[in-house]
Amino acid sequence: MSEDADCLFCRIVAGEIPAEIVHSSELAVAFRDLNPQAPVHVLVVPRRHIDNAGVLEAGDAEALAGVLVAARRVAEAEGVAERGYRLVFNVGEDASNSVAHLHLHVLGGRRLAWPPG
């Protein structure tokens, strides 16, 4: 159910661009980040195009819930759920959000520094 023909992540969801898919559901798709920042670094995107977390509305609740459930399933499948993992939404240029499609980073597999960066 992609909505933006020019969006990289919509094209991955549609199967037009290859990606290493690690989870797929009715509402979300998860695939490995091409520039991993941790041993486990998976991006979870809603199938429906939403620009970013900063524009979410009440009507997006089902899509967001689908992303969060998919993130939990990814963490379980990747073996990081028990020890811990980080979920990150980046919004805007200053946060290094390079693709304008809502995506949740699932990071784990090592002790993550706090604060991040």
C-alpha atoms as a PDB file:
ATOM      1  CA  MET A   1       0.000   0.000   0.000  1.00  0.00           C
ATOM      2  CA  SER A   2       2.740   2.468  -0.963  1.00  0.00           C
ATOM      3  CA  GLU A   3       1.689   6.016  -1.609  1.00  0.00           C
ATOM      4  CA  ASP A   4       4.805   7.854  -2.821  1.00  0.00           C
ATOM      5  CA  ALA A   5       6.359   6.503  -6.027  1.00  0.00           C
ATOM      6  CA  ASP A   6       9.547   8.538  -5.405  1.00  0.00           C
ATOM      7  CA  CYS A   7      10.037   7.356  -1.807  1.00  0.00           C
ATOM      8  CA  LEU A   8      12.913   4.902  -1.316  1.00  0.00           C
ATOM      9  CA  PHE A   9      11.174   3.061   1.526  1.00  0.00           C
ATOM     10  CA  CYS A  10       7.847   2.876  -0.332  1.00  0.00           C
ATOM     11  CA  ARG A  11       9.758   1.258  -3.187  1.00  0.00           C
ATOM     12  CA  ILE A  12      11.351  -1.250  -0.790  1.00  0.00           C
ATOM     13  CA  VAL A  13       7.909  -2.054   0.651  1.00  0.00           C
ATOM     14  CA  ALA A  14       6.592  -2.550  -2.893  1.00  0.00           C
ATOM     15  CA  GLY A  15       9.465  -4.921  -3.696  1.00  0.00           C
ATOM     16  CA  GLU A  16      10.861  -2.606  -6.394  1.00  0.00           C
ATOM     17  CA  ILE A  17      14.189  -2.137  -4.597  1.00  0.00           C
ATOM     18  CA  PRO A  18      15.920  -5.096  -2.957  1.00  0.00           C
ATOM     19  CA  ALA A  19      16.488  -5.121   0.797  1.00  0.00           C
ATOM     20  CA  GLU A  20      17.224  -7.772   3.382  1.00  0.00           C
ATOM     21  CA  ILE A  21      13.708  -8.152   4.792  1.00  0.00           C
ATOM     22  CA  VAL A  22      13.693  -9.601   8.309  1.00  0.00           C
ATOM     23  CA  HIS A  23       9.985  -9.207   9.114  1.00  0.00           C
ATOM     24  CA  SER A  24       6.814  -8.417   7.214  1.00  0.00           C
ATOM     25  CA  SER A  25       3.241  -7.964   8.409  1.00  0.00           C
ATOM     26  CA  GLU A  26       0.037  -6.436   7.129  1.00  0.00           C
ATOM     27  CA  LEU A  27       1.056  -3.063   8.559  1.00  0.00           C
ATOM     28  CA  ALA A  28       4.869  -2.951   8.552  1.00  0.00           C
ATOM     29  CA  VAL A  29       8.054  -4.139   6.901  1.00  0.00           C
ATOM     30  CA  ALA A  30      11.449  -4.478   8.615  1.00  0.00           C
ATOM     31  CA  PHE A  31      14.788  -4.627   6.837  1.00  0.00           C
ATOM     32  CA  ARG A  32      18.470  -4.337   7.705  1.00  0.00           C
ATOM     33  CA  ASP A  33      20.029  -0.877   7.679  1.00  0.00           C
ATOM     34  CA  LEU A  34      22.708  -0.536   4.981  1.00  0.00           C
ATOM     35  CA  ASN A  35      24.894   1.495   7.385  1.00  0.00           C
ATOM     36  CA  PRO A  36      24.506  -0.370  10.695  1.00  0.00           C
ATOM     37  CA  GLN A  37      25.375   1.449  13.905  1.00  0.00           C
ATOM     38  CA  ALA A  38      25.147  -1.694  16.067  1.00  0.00           C
ATOM     39  CA  PRO A  39      25.384  -5.466  15.496  1.00  0.00           C
ATOM     40  CA  VAL A  40      21.590  -5.452  15.127  1.00  0.00           C
ATOM     41  CA  HIS A  41      20.316  -2.440  13.191  1.00  0.00           C
ATOM     42  CA  VAL A  42      16.962  -2.934  11.525  1.00  0.00           C
ATOM     43  CA  LEU A  43      14.595  -0.312  10.132  1.00  0.00           C
ATOM     44  CA  VAL A  44      10.861  -0.844  10.620  1.00  0.00           C
ATOM     45  CA  VAL A  45       8.569   1.133   8.321  1.00  0.00           C
ATOM     46  CA  PRO A  46       4.812   1.300   7.972  1.00  0.00           C
ATOM     47  CA  ARG A  47       3.500   0.023   4.658  1.00  0.00           C
ATOM     48  CA  ARG A  48       1.526   3.256   4.352  1.00  0.00           C
ATOM     49  CA  HIS A  49       3.619   6.344   3.610  1.00  0.00           C
ATOM     50  CA  ILE A  50       3.882   8.746   6.538  1.00  0.00           C
ATOM     51  CA  ASP A  51       6.625  11.386   6.267  1.00  0.00           C
ATOM     52  CA  ASN A  52       7.978  11.117   9.837  1.00  0.00           C
ATOM     53  CA  ALA A  53       7.030  10.864  13.507  1.00  0.00           C
ATOM     54  CA  GLY A  54       6.598  14.646  13.682  1.00  0.00           C
ATOM     55  CA  VAL A  55       3.491  14.548  11.492  1.00  0.00           C
ATOM     56  CA  LEU A  56       1.687  11.621  13.147  1.00  0.00           C
ATOM     57  CA  GLU A  57      -2.015  12.158  13.817  1.00  0.00           C
ATOM     58  CA  ALA A  58      -4.584  10.127  15.760  1.00  0.00           C
ATOM     59  CA  GLY A  59      -5.631   8.454  12.496  1.00  0.00           C
ATOM     60  CA  ASP A  60      -2.129   6.967  12.204  1.00  0.00           C
ATOM     61  CA  ALA A  61      -2.481   4.948  15.424  1.00  0.00           C
ATOM     62  CA  GLU A  62      -2.914   1.584  13.685  1.00  0.00           C
ATOM     63  CA  ALA A  63       0.122   2.132  11.440  1.00  0.00           C
ATOM     64  CA  LEU A  64       2.255   3.211  14.416  1.00  0.00           C
ATOM     65  CA  ALA A  65       1.096   0.246  16.509  1.00  0.00           C
ATOM     66  CA  GLY A  66       2.011  -2.042  13.602  1.00  0.00           C
ATOM     67  CA  VAL A  67       5.524  -0.557  13.529  1.00  0.00           C
ATOM     68  CA  LEU A  68       5.966  -1.011  17.290  1.00  0.00           C
ATOM     69  CA  VAL A  69       4.706  -4.608  17.264  1.00  0.00           C
ATOM     70  CA  ALA A  70       7.004  -5.380  14.331  1.00  0.00           C
ATOM     71  CA  ALA A  71       9.941  -3.840  16.240  1.00  0.00           C
ATOM     72  CA  ARG A  72       9.286  -6.141  19.199  1.00  0.00           C
ATOM     73  CA  ARG A  73       9.125  -9.155  16.901  1.00  0.00           C
ATOM     74  CA  VAL A  74      12.378  -8.125  15.232  1.00  0.00           C
ATOM     75  CA  ALA A  75      14.080  -7.774  18.634  1.00  0.00           C
ATOM     76  CA  GLU A  76      12.869 -11.246  19.607  1.00  0.00           C
ATOM     77  CA  ALA A  77      13.931 -12.815  16.302  1.00  0.00           C
ATOM     78  CA  GLU A  78      17.347 -11.105  16.398  1.00  0.00           C
ATOM     79  CA  GLY A  79      17.982 -12.321  19.963  1.00  0.00           C
ATOM     80  CA  VAL A  80      18.214  -8.902  21.617  1.00  0.00           C
ATOM     81  CA  ALA A  81      14.846  -8.725  23.378  1.00  0.00           C
ATOM     82  CA  GLU A  82      16.028 -10.246  26.639  1.00  0.00           C
ATOM     83  CA  ARG A  83      19.197  -8.158  27.156  1.00  0.00           C
ATOM     84  CA  GLY A  84      17.788  -4.932  25.730  1.00  0.00           C
ATOM     85  CA  TYR A  85      17.580  -2.845  22.605  1.00  0.00           C
ATOM     86  CA  ARG A  86      16.975   0.741  21.589  1.00  0.00           C
ATOM     87  CA  LEU A  87      14.111   2.106  19.469  1.00  0.00           C
ATOM     88  CA  VAL A  88      14.781   5.434  17.730  1.00  0.00           C
ATOM     89  CA  PHE A  89      12.670   7.719  15.557  1.00  0.00           C
ATOM     90  CA  ASN A  90      14.656  10.520  13.877  1.00  0.00           C
ATOM     91  CA  VAL A  91      12.702  13.616  12.820  1.00  0.00           C
ATOM     92  CA  GLY A  92      14.193  16.258  10.565  1.00  0.00           C
ATOM     93  CA  GLU A  93      17.526  17.199   9.105  1.00  0.00           C
ATOM     94  CA  ASP A  94      19.290  17.941  12.422  1.00  0.00           C
ATOM     95  CA  ALA A  95      18.477  14.395  13.553  1.00  0.00           C
ATOM     96  CA  SER A  96      20.037  12.978  10.362  1.00  0.00           C
ATOM     97  CA  ASN A  97      16.686  11.792   9.016  1.00  0.00           C
ATOM     98  CA  SER A  98      17.691  11.131   5.416  1.00  0.00           C
ATOM     99  CA  VAL A  99      14.552   9.356   4.110  1.00  0.00           C
ATOM    100  CA  ALA A 100      11.169  11.085   4.411  1.00  0.00           C
ATOM    101  CA  HIS A 101       9.219   7.954   5.374  1.00  0.00           C
ATOM    102  CA  LEU A 102       8.503   7.141   9.001  1.00  0.00           C
ATOM    103  CA  HIS A 103      11.016   4.554  10.170  1.00  0.00           C
ATOM    104  CA  LEU A 104      11.943   3.128  13.533  1.00  0.00           C
ATOM    105  CA  HIS A 105      15.523   2.021  14.151  1.00  0.00           C
ATOM    106  CA  VAL A 106      15.874  -1.179  16.198  1.00  0.00           C
ATOM    107  CA  LEU A 107      19.408  -1.216  17.619  1.00  0.00           C
ATOM    108  CA  GLY A 108      20.994  -3.875  19.811  1.00  0.00           C
ATOM    109  CA  GLY A 109      23.497  -6.657  20.140  1.00  0.00           C
ATOM    110  CA  ARG A 110      25.929  -4.710  22.342  1.00  0.00           C
ATOM    111  CA  ARG A 111      25.835  -2.304  25.266  1.00  0.00           C
ATOM    112  CA  LEU A 112      24.646   1.003  23.790  1.00  0.00           C
ATOM    113  CA  ALA A 113      26.109   4.258  25.086  1.00  0.00           C
ATOM    114  CA  TRP A 114      23.946   6.850  26.797  1.00  0.00           C
ATOM    115  CA  PRO A 115      23.542   9.527  25.782  1.00  0.00           C
ATOM    116  CA  PRO A 116      23.682   8.262  22.202  1.00  0.00           C
ATOM    117  CA  GLY A 117      26.222   9.684  19.815  1.00  0.00           C
END
